[in-house]
Protein backbone atom coordinates (compact mmCIF):
# COMPACT_ATOMS: atom_id res chain seq x y z
CA MET A 1 43.09 11.63 60.40
CA ASN A 2 46.22 9.47 60.31
CA LYS A 3 46.52 5.80 59.46
CA THR A 4 46.38 4.69 63.11
CA LYS A 5 43.11 6.48 63.76
CA ILE A 6 41.51 4.96 60.66
CA LEU A 7 42.46 1.48 61.82
CA ASN A 8 41.08 2.21 65.27
CA LEU A 9 37.82 3.40 63.71
CA PHE A 10 37.40 0.09 61.85
CA GLY A 11 38.32 -1.82 64.92
CA THR A 12 36.05 -0.02 67.40
CA ASN A 13 32.96 0.44 65.23
CA LYS A 14 32.76 -2.33 62.67
CA ILE A 15 29.02 -1.91 62.06
CA ILE A 16 29.36 1.71 60.98
CA SER A 17 32.31 0.81 58.79
CA ILE A 18 30.38 -1.96 57.06
CA ILE A 19 27.42 0.35 56.42
CA ILE A 20 29.67 3.01 54.91
CA LEU A 21 31.33 0.41 52.72
CA ILE A 22 27.97 -0.86 51.45
CA ILE A 23 26.81 2.67 50.63
CA VAL A 24 30.00 3.34 48.67
CA ILE A 25 29.59 0.11 46.67
CA VAL A 26 25.94 0.87 45.85
CA VAL A 27 26.81 4.36 44.65
CA ILE A 28 29.55 2.99 42.40
CA VAL A 29 27.27 0.30 40.93
CA LEU A 30 24.47 2.78 40.20
CA THR A 31 26.88 5.21 38.58
CA VAL A 32 28.36 2.55 36.32
CA ARG A 33 24.93 1.20 35.36
CA GLN A 34 23.62 4.65 34.52
CA TYR A 35 26.66 5.39 32.38
CA THR A 36 26.64 2.11 30.47
CA GLY A 37 22.84 2.04 30.09
CA ALA A 38 22.77 5.45 28.46
CA ASN A 39 25.22 4.33 25.85
CA THR A 40 23.85 0.93 24.78
CA ASP A 41 22.00 2.42 21.84
CA ARG A 42 21.80 5.50 19.65
CA ILE A 43 19.14 7.43 17.74
CA CYS A 44 19.67 7.48 13.97
CA SER A 45 17.93 9.61 11.36
CA ARG A 46 17.62 8.86 7.66
CA ALA A 47 16.00 10.92 4.90
CA VAL A 48 13.64 8.87 2.73
CA SER A 49 11.82 9.48 -0.53
CA SER A 50 9.01 12.02 -0.43
CA GLU A 51 5.51 11.43 -1.72
CA SER A 52 5.25 12.68 -5.29
CA GLN A 53 1.48 12.47 -5.60
CA CYS A 54 -1.29 14.40 -3.94
CA SER A 55 -3.03 11.76 -1.82
CA ASN A 56 -4.92 11.04 1.42
CA GLY A 57 -7.81 13.25 0.32
CA SER A 58 -11.14 13.22 -1.50
CA TRP A 59 -12.90 14.70 -4.52
CA SER A 60 -15.58 17.35 -4.35
CA GLY A 61 -18.71 17.12 -6.46
CA TRP A 62 -18.91 18.46 -10.02
CA THR A 63 -19.91 22.11 -10.33
CA ILE A 64 -20.76 24.12 -13.45
CA VAL A 65 -18.14 26.80 -14.02
CA SER A 66 -19.62 28.28 -17.18
CA GLN A 67 -22.41 27.45 -19.59
CA GLY A 68 -23.10 28.79 -23.06
CA ALA A 69 -25.29 28.02 -26.02
CA ASP A 70 -22.99 25.29 -27.33
CA SER A 71 -20.61 24.46 -24.45
CA THR A 72 -20.59 23.64 -20.77
CA THR A 73 -17.57 23.69 -18.46
CA GLU A 74 -17.58 21.71 -15.22
CA SER A 75 -14.90 21.19 -12.60
CA ARG A 76 -14.20 19.28 -9.43
CA THR A 77 -11.40 19.60 -6.87
CA TYR A 78 -9.35 16.96 -5.09
CA THR A 79 -7.94 18.17 -1.77
CA GLY A 80 -5.27 16.12 -0.06
CA THR A 81 -1.73 16.28 1.27
CA ARG A 82 1.75 15.83 -0.15
CA GLY A 83 4.84 14.91 1.87
CA ILE A 84 7.54 17.49 1.14
CA HIS A 85 10.35 16.13 3.33
CA ARG A 86 10.28 12.83 5.19
CA THR A 87 12.74 11.54 7.77
CA ILE A 88 12.72 8.32 9.75
CA GLN A 89 14.23 8.03 13.21
CA PHE A 90 15.03 4.74 14.88
CA ARG A 91 16.89 3.40 17.87
CA THR A 92 19.81 1.11 17.14
CA SER A 93 22.90 -0.35 18.79
CA ILE A 94 25.73 1.99 19.66
CA HIS A 95 27.95 -0.28 17.57
CA ASN A 96 25.85 0.37 14.45
CA TYR A 97 28.25 3.10 13.34
CA SER A 98 26.75 3.44 9.85
CA CYS A 99 23.16 3.66 11.17
CA SER A 100 22.08 0.89 8.82
CA ILE A 101 18.33 0.33 8.76
CA GLY A 102 16.71 -2.93 9.75
CA GLY A 103 13.04 -3.79 9.91
CA GLY A 104 10.53 -3.07 12.63
CA ASN A 105 8.89 0.07 13.95
CA VAL A 106 10.36 3.50 13.30
CA THR A 107 9.21 7.07 13.78
CA LEU A 108 8.30 8.90 10.57
CA ILE A 109 8.58 12.69 10.67
CA SER A 110 6.97 14.35 7.66
CA GLU A 111 6.73 17.94 6.50
CA VAL A 112 3.24 17.87 4.96
CA ALA A 113 1.57 20.49 2.76
CA VAL A 114 -1.99 20.77 1.54
CA CYS A 115 -2.35 20.11 -2.19
CA GLN A 116 -5.16 20.38 -4.70
CA VAL A 117 -5.88 18.86 -8.09
CA ILE A 118 -8.48 20.64 -10.22
CA GLU A 119 -10.06 18.62 -13.03
CA THR A 120 -11.99 20.54 -15.66
CA ILE A 121 -14.20 19.09 -18.39
CA GLU A 122 -15.49 21.17 -21.29
CA THR A 123 -18.30 19.66 -23.34
CA ARG A 124 -18.82 21.39 -26.68
CA VAL A 125 -21.62 20.57 -29.11
CA THR A 126 -21.04 21.27 -32.79
CA THR A 127 -24.29 22.39 -34.36
CA SER A 128 -25.49 21.16 -37.76
CA GLY A 129 -24.81 24.56 -39.27
CA GLU A 130 -21.16 24.43 -38.18
CA ALA A 131 -20.78 20.95 -39.61
CA GLY A 132 -22.23 21.95 -43.00
CA GLY A 133 -19.21 23.96 -44.11
CA ALA A 134 -18.99 27.14 -46.11
CA GLY A 135 -21.57 26.17 -48.71
CA GLY A 136 -24.39 27.64 -46.67
CA SER A 137 -26.42 24.44 -46.79
CA GLY A 138 -25.30 23.22 -43.41
CA SER A 139 -28.60 24.08 -41.77
CA GLU A 140 -30.32 21.62 -44.06
CA VAL A 141 -27.83 18.76 -43.75
CA GLY A 142 -27.80 16.14 -41.00
CA THR A 143 -30.88 17.35 -39.19
CA ASP A 144 -31.77 13.73 -38.37
CA GLU A 145 -28.25 12.84 -37.15
CA LEU A 146 -26.75 13.21 -33.70
CA GLU A 147 -24.77 16.38 -33.25
CA PRO A 148 -21.04 15.72 -32.68
CA VAL A 149 -19.79 16.31 -29.12
CA THR A 150 -16.22 17.28 -28.20
CA ILE A 151 -15.05 16.64 -24.62
CA THR A 152 -11.83 18.24 -23.41
CA THR A 153 -10.36 17.34 -20.01
CA THR A 154 -7.60 19.33 -18.30
CA THR A 155 -6.01 19.05 -14.86
CA SER A 156 -3.90 21.41 -12.78
CA GLU A 157 -2.14 20.93 -9.45
CA SER A 158 -1.06 23.27 -6.70
CA THR A 159 0.71 22.84 -3.36
CA SER A 160 0.52 25.19 -0.41
CA PRO A 161 3.84 26.76 0.63
CA THR A 162 2.87 26.29 4.29
CA THR A 163 3.77 22.95 5.84
CA LYS A 164 3.14 21.23 9.15
CA THR A 165 5.06 18.50 10.92
CA VAL A 166 3.38 15.11 11.31
CA THR A 167 4.90 12.35 13.44
CA GLU A 168 3.71 8.74 13.25
CA SER A 169 4.91 5.24 14.02
CA VAL A 170 5.31 3.06 10.93
CA VAL A 171 6.71 -0.36 10.06
CA LEU A 172 9.68 -0.60 7.69
CA ARG A 173 10.12 -3.14 4.91
CA THR A 174 6.47 -4.21 4.80
CA ILE A 175 4.70 -4.19 1.43
CA GLU A 176 0.90 -4.21 1.21
CA ALA A 177 0.44 -7.19 -1.09
CA ASP A 178 -2.73 -7.44 -3.16
CA PHE A 179 -4.03 -9.36 -6.16
CA MET A 180 -7.22 -9.63 -8.23
CA CYS A 181 -9.01 -12.33 -10.24
CA SER A 182 -10.25 -12.57 -13.83
CA LEU A 183 -11.64 -15.11 -16.27
CA ASN A 184 -10.40 -13.33 -19.42
CA LYS A 185 -7.31 -11.34 -18.25
CA GLU A 186 -9.15 -8.10 -18.99
CA ASP A 187 -11.91 -7.67 -16.43
CA TRP A 188 -10.27 -7.81 -12.99
CA LYS A 189 -12.27 -7.90 -9.77
CA ASP A 190 -11.84 -8.50 -6.06
CA CYS A 191 -11.09 -12.19 -5.49
CA ARG A 192 -13.36 -12.18 -2.45
CA GLU A 193 -16.37 -11.78 -4.73
CA GLU A 194 -18.07 -14.91 -6.05
CA ILE A 195 -16.35 -16.32 -9.13
CA LYS A 196 -18.67 -18.07 -11.58
CA VAL A 197 -17.04 -20.31 -14.18
CA ALA A 198 -19.05 -21.58 -17.14
CA LYS A 199 -17.22 -24.90 -17.41
CA ARG A 200 -15.15 -27.08 -15.14
CA SER A 201 -12.20 -26.53 -17.46
CA THR A 202 -12.38 -22.71 -17.25
CA PRO A 203 -9.09 -21.30 -15.88
CA ILE A 204 -8.91 -18.48 -13.33
CA TYR A 205 -6.26 -15.77 -13.80
CA LEU A 206 -4.58 -14.09 -10.83
CA LYS A 207 -2.67 -10.81 -11.09
CA SER A 208 -0.60 -8.94 -8.55
CA PHE A 209 -1.33 -5.24 -8.16
CA VAL A 210 1.75 -4.15 -6.19
CA GLU A 211 3.81 -1.20 -7.37
CA ASP A 212 7.60 -1.54 -7.45
CA ALA A 213 7.43 -5.32 -6.98
CA THR A 214 10.43 -7.28 -8.25
CA SER A 215 9.45 -10.89 -7.54
CA TRP A 216 6.25 -12.87 -7.01
CA THR A 217 5.56 -16.33 -5.57
CA TRP A 218 2.10 -17.90 -5.75
CA PHE A 219 0.82 -20.81 -3.67
CA ILE A 220 -2.41 -22.82 -3.60
CA GLU A 221 -2.93 -23.35 0.12
CA ASN A 222 -5.75 -25.91 0.42
CA ASN A 223 -4.73 -28.08 -2.53
CA ASN A 224 -6.54 -31.35 -1.77
CA LYS A 225 -5.31 -34.79 -2.76
CA GLU A 226 -7.25 -37.12 -5.00
CA PRO A 227 -9.74 -38.74 -4.87
CA LEU A 228 -11.73 -35.54 -4.48
CA THR A 229 -14.88 -35.47 -2.41
CA ASP A 230 -17.82 -33.09 -2.60
CA GLY A 231 -16.66 -29.46 -2.65
CA GLN A 232 -12.97 -30.29 -2.98
CA SER A 233 -10.64 -29.26 -5.81
CA ILE A 234 -7.01 -29.68 -6.80
CA GLY A 235 -5.05 -27.40 -9.09
CA THR A 236 -1.82 -26.18 -10.62
CA LEU A 237 -0.39 -22.74 -11.32
CA GLN A 238 1.21 -21.67 -14.59
CA ASN A 239 4.18 -19.34 -14.06
CA PRO A 240 3.93 -19.27 -10.25
CA ASN A 241 6.83 -16.76 -10.11
CA SER A 242 5.39 -14.07 -12.38
CA GLU A 243 3.15 -11.06 -11.87
CA THR A 244 0.20 -12.86 -13.50
CA THR A 245 -0.48 -16.56 -13.13
CA ARG A 246 -3.11 -18.97 -14.42
CA MET A 247 -4.80 -21.39 -12.05
CA ASN A 248 -6.23 -24.60 -13.50
CA LEU A 249 -8.51 -26.51 -11.14
CA LYS A 250 -9.93 -30.01 -11.19
CA TYR A 251 -13.20 -30.19 -9.27
CA GLY A 252 -14.85 -32.93 -7.29
CA ALA A 253 -18.60 -33.38 -6.95
CA GLY A 254 -20.87 -30.37 -6.44
CA ASN A 255 -20.65 -26.86 -7.81
CA LYS A 256 -19.52 -24.80 -4.79
CA PHE A 257 -15.80 -24.72 -4.05
CA VAL A 258 -13.46 -22.74 -1.77
CA LYS A 259 -9.81 -22.27 -2.66
CA GLU A 260 -7.15 -20.32 -0.71
CA VAL A 261 -4.41 -18.61 -2.70
CA THR A 262 -1.35 -16.90 -1.19
CA LEU A 263 0.89 -14.32 -2.87
CA ASN A 264 4.34 -13.43 -1.55
CA VAL A 265 6.01 -10.39 -3.11
CA LYS A 266 9.34 -8.63 -2.80
CA GLY A 267 10.15 -5.11 -3.90
CA LYS A 268 10.36 -1.64 -2.43
CA ASP A 269 8.35 -0.43 0.52
CA ARG A 270 6.78 3.02 0.80
CA PHE A 271 10.17 4.52 1.66
CA GLY A 272 12.03 3.06 -1.29
CA LEU A 273 13.72 0.40 0.84
CA SER A 274 13.75 -3.28 -0.04
CA GLY A 275 10.84 -5.08 1.59
CA SER A 276 8.39 -7.95 1.33
CA GLY A 277 4.72 -8.66 1.87
CA SER A 278 2.20 -11.47 1.79
CA VAL A 279 -1.55 -11.85 1.40
CA THR A 280 -3.94 -14.82 1.36
CA GLU A 281 -7.35 -14.60 -0.30
CA THR A 282 -10.19 -17.11 -0.14
CA LEU A 283 -11.81 -17.70 -3.54
CA ASN A 284 -15.47 -18.73 -3.58
CA ILE A 285 -16.00 -20.52 -6.89
CA THR A 286 -19.32 -21.59 -8.41
CA VAL A 287 -19.20 -23.93 -11.41
CA VAL A 288 -22.10 -23.36 -13.81
CA ASP A 289 -22.14 -26.04 -16.49
CA VAL A 290 -23.54 -24.30 -19.57
CA LYS A 291 -25.26 -26.69 -22.01
CA TYR A 292 -26.19 -25.67 -25.52
CA ILE A 293 -29.42 -27.02 -27.04
CA GLU A 294 -29.75 -27.13 -30.82
CA ILE A 295 -33.10 -25.91 -32.11
């Protein structure tokens, strides 16, 4: 078809020409969109630290392995899983040439193997005759005393050579923050349990229990202003940027108080990447004024 015929075609049948032109434009637009849309992002993979401990399992009950005249051996087995190789995959911009990792959801692909930890306890009782020595009078010595008991504990671990692939969606850079409460810095308990203080001047200690944490920030959320009314309290924190802090409270009238405490931590998440986390606990405090009466 020469140039003259093409011009005649457009001149004699404009409607058909317009339709053809529209179809050509639509095809071009769809092709360009499909090409550019497929290249706006990329899938990146990154190997992360594997789990070193046998976890996500449970212990069996104690069973007697052997029993003799002076000894008993018992054992129990923990069966769980251990991550051998772990890889995270995530979608990122095509311009992220180094596949740097941000936060948010990623896909965790783990090669998981079954593992077991066997704990064995041997209890051995030393008889009076054994404790008496070589003099031969051991059977007559210490008959009224408790016989000494020796307890030996051993553990052994094993991991199956067979693995399976587990895929799950996880959140990066999130640390599960947690802390506990104590009145003496030795006996720590869940802060959601009732806290009974003997005096209104008794401090409450707070301790973070987050592995691989590098910084801590404590806040008293509902710190009321004076004058204090019934059930209100106001307080201060010693060392609010340390793993353990001391909370000193001044109480208003009454003996039942509620205090919210927030802990923000920074450190490493479960994949060894820098992360952060936060938790707020509500402390239910009962003040018991102990009075001593001289007799």
